N, C-alpha and C. Protein backbone atom coordinates (compact mmCIF):
# COMPACT_ATOMS: atom_id res chain seq x y z
N MET A 1 0.98 -1.32 -0.11
CA MET A 1 0.02 0.02 0.20
C MET A 1 0.97 0.95 -0.14
N ILE A 2 0.69 2.21 -0.78
CA ILE A 2 1.15 3.64 -1.30
C ILE A 2 0.82 4.30 0.00
N MET A 3 1.65 5.24 0.86
CA MET A 3 1.16 5.80 1.83
C MET A 3 1.50 7.35 1.21
N VAL A 4 0.38 8.46 1.63
CA VAL A 4 0.52 9.99 0.57
C VAL A 4 -0.19 10.35 2.01
N PRO A 5 0.96 11.69 1.88
CA PRO A 5 0.63 12.36 2.96
C PRO A 5 -1.24 12.88 2.83
N ARG A 6 -2.18 13.38 4.22
CA ARG A 6 -3.38 13.46 4.07
C ARG A 6 -4.16 14.93 3.34
N GLY A 7 -4.68 14.66 2.72
CA GLY A 7 -5.36 15.32 1.50
C GLY A 7 -4.72 15.75 0.26
N THR A 8 -3.69 14.84 -0.20
CA THR A 8 -2.68 14.84 -1.46
C THR A 8 -4.27 14.22 -2.20
N VAL A 9 -4.01 14.62 -3.39
CA VAL A 9 -4.80 14.31 -4.42
C VAL A 9 -4.15 13.47 -5.61
N LEU A 10 -4.40 12.16 -5.51
CA LEU A 10 -3.71 11.43 -6.46
C LEU A 10 -4.44 11.67 -7.77
N PRO A 11 -3.54 11.29 -9.47
CA PRO A 11 -3.99 11.58 -10.35
C PRO A 11 -4.74 10.07 -10.45
N MET A 12 -5.91 9.89 -11.15
CA MET A 12 -6.80 9.25 -11.59
C MET A 12 -6.86 8.53 -12.59
N THR A 13 -6.99 7.41 -13.46
CA THR A 13 -8.21 7.43 -14.36
C THR A 13 -9.05 8.08 -14.72
N THR A 14 -9.58 8.44 -15.60
CA THR A 14 -11.11 9.11 -15.55
C THR A 14 -11.34 8.31 -16.78
N MET A 15 -12.63 7.69 -16.87
CA MET A 15 -13.25 7.38 -18.39
C MET A 15 -14.99 7.62 -17.99
N THR A 16 -15.30 7.47 -19.37
CA THR A 16 -16.95 7.61 -19.53
C THR A 16 -17.34 6.27 -19.17
N LEU A 17 -18.84 6.31 -18.96
CA LEU A 17 -19.72 5.09 -18.49
C LEU A 17 -19.32 4.54 -20.14
N ARG A 18 -19.51 5.22 -21.61
CA ARG A 18 -19.76 4.13 -22.70
C ARG A 18 -18.11 3.86 -22.80
N GLU A 19 -17.10 4.50 -22.48
CA GLU A 19 -15.71 3.90 -22.53
C GLU A 19 -15.57 2.73 -21.51
N PHE A 20 -15.99 2.64 -20.27
CA PHE A 20 -16.37 1.04 -19.67
C PHE A 20 -16.78 0.14 -20.25
N ARG A 21 -17.77 0.81 -20.43
CA ARG A 21 -18.84 -0.38 -21.18
C ARG A 21 -18.24 -1.05 -22.57
N ASP A 22 -17.17 -0.06 -23.51
CA ASP A 22 -16.91 -0.76 -24.44
C ASP A 22 -15.93 -1.45 -24.15
N GLY A 23 -14.89 -0.98 -22.54
CA GLY A 23 -13.85 -1.73 -22.75
C GLY A 23 -13.84 -2.23 -21.11
N ALA A 24 -14.54 -3.06 -20.56
CA ALA A 24 -14.77 -3.44 -19.32
C ALA A 24 -14.09 -4.52 -19.01
N GLY A 25 -13.38 -5.77 -19.76
CA GLY A 25 -12.73 -6.51 -19.43
C GLY A 25 -11.09 -5.94 -19.55
N ARG A 26 -11.07 -4.99 -20.22
CA ARG A 26 -9.43 -4.60 -20.05
C ARG A 26 -9.42 -3.84 -19.06
N VAL A 27 -10.41 -2.62 -18.62
CA VAL A 27 -10.37 -1.67 -17.29
C VAL A 27 -9.95 -2.94 -16.29
N LEU A 28 -10.82 -3.71 -15.89
CA LEU A 28 -10.72 -4.83 -14.86
C LEU A 28 -9.56 -5.38 -14.86
N GLU A 29 -8.84 -5.84 -16.14
CA GLU A 29 -7.68 -6.04 -15.74
C GLU A 29 -6.41 -5.23 -15.46
N ALA A 30 -6.78 -3.97 -16.08
CA ALA A 30 -5.76 -3.29 -15.81
C ALA A 30 -5.78 -2.48 -14.57
N ILE A 31 -7.25 -2.68 -13.83
CA ILE A 31 -6.76 -2.53 -12.02
C ILE A 31 -6.28 -3.17 -10.97
N GLU A 32 -6.92 -4.82 -11.80
CA GLU A 32 -6.11 -5.90 -11.24
C GLU A 32 -4.72 -5.66 -11.23
N ARG A 33 -3.73 -5.41 -12.17
CA ARG A 33 -2.58 -5.05 -12.51
C ARG A 33 -2.04 -4.21 -11.68
N THR A 34 -2.45 -2.88 -11.78
CA THR A 34 -1.82 -1.78 -11.58
C THR A 34 -2.15 -1.10 -10.06
N HIS A 35 -3.24 -1.96 -9.44
CA HIS A 35 -3.93 -1.66 -8.13
C HIS A 35 -4.26 -0.19 -8.10
N GLU A 36 -4.82 0.65 -9.35
CA GLU A 36 -4.83 2.07 -9.32
C GLU A 36 -6.70 2.10 -9.07
N PRO A 37 -7.05 3.07 -8.90
CA PRO A 37 -9.02 3.20 -9.31
C PRO A 37 -8.94 3.84 -10.34
N VAL A 38 -9.89 3.89 -10.70
CA VAL A 38 -10.63 4.39 -12.27
C VAL A 38 -12.02 4.85 -11.71
N ILE A 39 -11.98 6.39 -12.12
CA ILE A 39 -13.18 7.21 -11.95
C ILE A 39 -14.35 7.11 -13.40
N ILE A 40 -15.60 6.38 -13.23
CA ILE A 40 -16.18 6.72 -14.50
C ILE A 40 -17.16 7.75 -14.14
N THR A 41 -17.13 8.44 -15.27
CA THR A 41 -18.10 9.80 -15.25
C THR A 41 -19.31 9.26 -15.89
N LYS A 42 -20.59 10.16 -15.92
CA LYS A 42 -21.58 10.33 -16.94
C LYS A 42 -22.23 11.63 -17.16
N TYR A 43 -22.09 11.82 -18.31
CA TYR A 43 -22.27 13.20 -18.37
C TYR A 43 -21.45 14.36 -17.88
N GLU A 44 -19.97 13.82 -17.75
CA GLU A 44 -19.12 14.55 -17.41
C GLU A 44 -18.91 14.84 -16.14
N ARG A 45 -19.89 13.72 -15.10
CA ARG A 45 -19.68 13.93 -13.76
C ARG A 45 -19.24 13.01 -13.17
N PRO A 46 -18.34 12.93 -12.40
CA PRO A 46 -18.09 11.32 -11.58
C PRO A 46 -19.47 10.60 -10.66
N VAL A 47 -19.30 9.70 -11.24
CA VAL A 47 -20.36 8.89 -10.42
C VAL A 47 -19.86 7.79 -9.81
N ALA A 48 -18.87 6.97 -10.12
CA ALA A 48 -18.48 5.95 -9.55
C ALA A 48 -16.72 5.79 -9.63
N VAL A 49 -16.27 5.14 -8.44
CA VAL A 49 -14.88 4.51 -8.35
C VAL A 49 -14.65 3.15 -8.40
N LEU A 50 -14.12 3.09 -9.30
CA LEU A 50 -13.49 1.30 -9.39
C LEU A 50 -12.16 1.03 -8.92
N ILE A 51 -12.22 -0.10 -7.32
CA ILE A 51 -10.86 -0.10 -7.42
C ILE A 51 -10.88 -1.94 -7.22
N GLY A 52 -9.68 -2.40 -6.84
CA GLY A 52 -9.68 -3.62 -7.04
C GLY A 52 -9.79 -4.21 -5.77
N ILE A 53 -10.23 -5.74 -5.50
CA ILE A 53 -10.80 -6.55 -4.13
C ILE A 53 -9.76 -6.00 -3.35
N ASP A 54 -8.34 -6.19 -3.47
CA ASP A 54 -7.51 -5.72 -2.63
C ASP A 54 -7.75 -4.68 -1.83
N GLU A 55 -8.01 -3.96 -2.83
CA GLU A 55 -7.92 -2.32 -1.94
C GLU A 55 -9.38 -2.01 -1.43
N TRP A 56 -10.53 -2.77 -1.70
CA TRP A 56 -11.74 -2.83 -1.16
C TRP A 56 -11.39 -3.72 0.15
N GLU A 57 -10.66 -4.81 0.18
CA GLU A 57 -10.93 -5.62 1.45
C GLU A 57 -9.60 -4.76 2.44
N GLU A 58 -9.10 -3.85 2.36
CA GLU A 58 -8.28 -2.61 2.96
C GLU A 58 -9.34 -1.45 3.31
N LEU A 59 -10.12 -1.34 2.67
CA LEU A 59 -10.84 -0.06 3.15
C LEU A 59 -12.00 -0.74 4.21
N GLU A 60 -12.68 -2.03 3.96
CA GLU A 60 -13.40 -2.55 4.67
C GLU A 60 -12.68 -2.57 6.20
N ALA A 61 -11.40 -3.28 6.26
CA ALA A 61 -11.29 -3.54 7.44
C ALA A 61 -10.33 -2.23 8.20
N PHE A 62 -10.42 -1.59 7.32
CA PHE A 62 -10.18 -0.23 7.79
C PHE A 62 -11.24 0.29 8.65
N ARG A 63 -12.49 0.11 7.85
CA ARG A 63 -14.21 0.62 8.52
C ARG A 63 -14.23 0.00 9.58
N ASP A 64 -13.91 -1.30 9.68
CA ASP A 64 -14.60 -2.43 10.66
C ASP A 64 -13.37 -2.01 12.17
N ARG A 65 -12.27 -1.75 11.76
CA ARG A 65 -11.13 -1.25 13.01
C ARG A 65 -11.70 0.28 13.71
N LYS A 66 -12.11 0.99 12.66
CA LYS A 66 -12.65 2.62 12.76
C LYS A 66 -14.16 2.17 13.92
N ASP A 67 -14.68 1.37 13.25
CA ASP A 67 -16.06 1.38 14.00
C ASP A 67 -16.17 0.55 15.71
N SER A 68 -15.19 -0.71 15.16
CA SER A 68 -14.81 -1.26 16.65
C SER A 68 -14.26 -0.40 17.59
N ALA A 69 -13.07 0.46 17.49
CA ALA A 69 -12.61 1.59 18.21
C ALA A 69 -14.02 2.68 18.78
N ALA A 70 -14.63 2.89 17.83
CA ALA A 70 -15.81 3.86 18.90
C ALA A 70 -16.95 3.46 19.59
N ILE A 71 -16.90 1.79 19.28
CA ILE A 71 -17.69 1.29 20.31
C ILE A 71 -16.96 0.93 21.28
N ALA A 72 -15.52 0.49 21.47
CA ALA A 72 -14.88 0.41 22.54
C ALA A 72 -14.88 1.19 23.08
N ARG A 73 -14.91 2.86 22.66
CA ARG A 73 -14.65 3.93 23.54
C ARG A 73 -15.63 4.15 23.88
N SER A 74 -16.85 3.89 23.37
CA SER A 74 -18.34 4.31 24.11
C SER A 74 -18.45 3.29 25.44
N GLN A 75 -17.89 1.72 25.10
CA GLN A 75 -18.10 1.12 26.43
C GLN A 75 -17.14 1.71 27.52
N ALA A 76 -15.78 2.05 27.24
CA ALA A 76 -14.74 2.39 28.18
C ALA A 76 -15.66 3.83 28.96
N GLU A 77 -16.49 4.35 28.16
CA GLU A 77 -16.74 5.79 28.63
C GLU A 77 -18.06 5.73 29.35
N GLY A 78 -18.24 4.14 29.44
CA GLY A 78 -19.68 3.84 30.24
C GLY A 78 -21.20 4.25 29.71
N GLN A 79 -20.90 4.13 28.52
CA GLN A 79 -22.19 4.62 27.28
C GLN A 79 -22.47 3.11 27.09
N PHE A 80 -23.77 3.16 27.12
CA PHE A 80 -24.32 1.95 26.62
C PHE A 80 -24.81 1.95 25.15
N VAL A 81 -24.29 0.81 24.37
CA VAL A 81 -24.18 1.00 22.90
C VAL A 81 -25.20 -0.39 22.84
N PRO A 82 -26.25 0.18 22.36
CA PRO A 82 -27.56 -1.27 22.27
C PRO A 82 -27.12 -2.02 20.71
N LEU A 83 -27.09 -3.14 21.06
CA LEU A 83 -26.66 -3.99 20.06
C LEU A 83 -26.69 -3.71 18.45
N ALA A 84 -28.39 -3.10 18.34
CA ALA A 84 -28.93 -2.69 17.07
C ALA A 84 -27.82 -1.43 16.11
N ALA A 85 -27.34 -0.86 17.27
CA ALA A 85 -26.44 0.46 16.84
C ALA A 85 -25.08 -0.07 16.55
N ALA A 86 -24.64 -0.69 17.72
CA ALA A 86 -23.57 -1.40 17.20
C ALA A 86 -23.45 -2.14 15.56
N LEU A 87 -24.43 -3.18 15.53
CA LEU A 87 -23.98 -3.63 14.14
C LEU A 87 -24.18 -2.82 13.04
N GLU A 88 -25.50 -2.06 13.61
CA GLU A 88 -25.31 -1.10 12.46
C GLU A 88 -24.31 -0.15 11.54
N SER A 89 -23.39 0.43 13.17
CA SER A 89 -22.48 0.98 12.82
C SER A 89 -21.43 -0.03 11.79
N LEU A 90 -21.24 -1.23 12.23
CA LEU A 90 -20.67 -2.32 11.35
C LEU A 90 -20.65 -3.08 9.63
N GLY A 91 -22.22 -1.85 9.68
CA GLY A 91 -22.49 -2.16 8.11
C GLY A 91 -23.68 -3.40 8.17
N VAL A 92 -24.04 -4.07 9.46
CA VAL A 92 -25.05 -5.23 9.52
C VAL A 92 -26.39 -4.74 9.45
N ASP A 93 -27.27 -5.06 9.14
CA ASP A 93 -28.47 -5.20 9.48
C ASP A 93 -29.40 -6.15 10.42
N PRO A 94 -29.52 -5.31 11.81
CA PRO A 94 -29.76 -6.07 12.63
C PRO A 94 -30.62 -7.03 12.52
N ARG A 95 -31.92 -6.71 11.67
CA ARG A 95 -33.00 -7.87 11.68
C ARG A 95 -32.60 -9.00 10.61
N GLU A 96 -31.41 -9.17 9.84
CA GLU A 96 -30.56 -9.95 9.09
C GLU A 96 -30.09 -11.09 10.22
N VAL A 97 -29.48 -10.18 11.09
CA VAL A 97 -28.71 -11.02 12.22
C VAL A 97 -29.87 -11.82 13.29
N GLU A 98 -31.08 -11.21 13.58
CA GLU A 98 -31.97 -11.31 14.34
C GLU A 98 -33.04 -12.73 13.34
N ALA A 99 -32.92 -12.49 11.97
CA ALA A 99 -33.37 -13.75 11.10
C ALA A 99 -32.88 -15.05 11.22
N LEU A 100 -31.44 -15.04 11.39
CA LEU A 100 -29.98 -16.00 11.43
C LEU A 100 -30.32 -16.60 12.41
N LEU A 101 -30.38 -15.84 13.83
CA LEU A 101 -30.79 -16.20 15.06
C LEU A 101 -31.84 -17.14 15.31
N ALA A 102 -32.79 -16.74 14.90
CA ALA A 102 -33.96 -17.40 14.72
C ALA A 102 -33.53 -18.66 14.08
N ASP A 103 -33.03 -18.88 12.91
CA ASP A 103 -33.23 -20.00 12.27
C ASP A 103 -32.21 -21.19 12.61
N ARG A 104 -31.19 -20.39 13.65
CA ARG A 104 -30.40 -21.66 14.47
C ARG A 104 -31.05 -22.06 15.15
N VAL A 105 -31.94 -21.17 16.21
CA VAL A 105 -32.45 -21.94 17.11
C VAL A 105 -34.01 -22.46 16.79
N GLY A 106 -34.01 -22.40 15.57
CA GLY A 106 -35.30 -23.05 15.25
C GLY A 106 -36.75 -22.19 15.46
N GLY A 107 -36.53 -21.13 15.88
CA GLY A 107 -37.88 -20.39 16.47
C GLY A 107 -37.76 -18.90 16.01
N GLU A 108 -38.83 -18.37 16.53
CA GLU A 108 -39.37 -17.15 15.99
C GLU A 108 -38.00 -16.46 16.68
N ALA A 109 -37.83 -15.37 16.13
CA ALA A 109 -36.96 -14.03 16.62
C ALA A 109 -37.81 -13.41 17.24
N ALA A 110 -37.07 -12.86 18.57
CA ALA A 110 -37.68 -12.26 19.47
C ALA A 110 -37.70 -11.00 19.06
């Protein structure tokens, strides 16, 4: 992973949606090979950024660490953290967890 000073804007490849559509396979191969993100534009406005799976996993791990640290700080400060709020801060839908738990115990979710 390349470390750059905070606030530094790195040059990224930018392409239109049409260019991406016409060469999606080549674009994905380039992202996988170079690990460089690609900005996709629509009507000259940036609408998406494509990144490699390794970069995505790093971002998700960073978010998880950040969320876990926030939960730990709240607990250390004696603040009650409801399970639903903790799950949502980790990007997990509490209803999905409830349904999974109900399936495991073979009954209705509380």
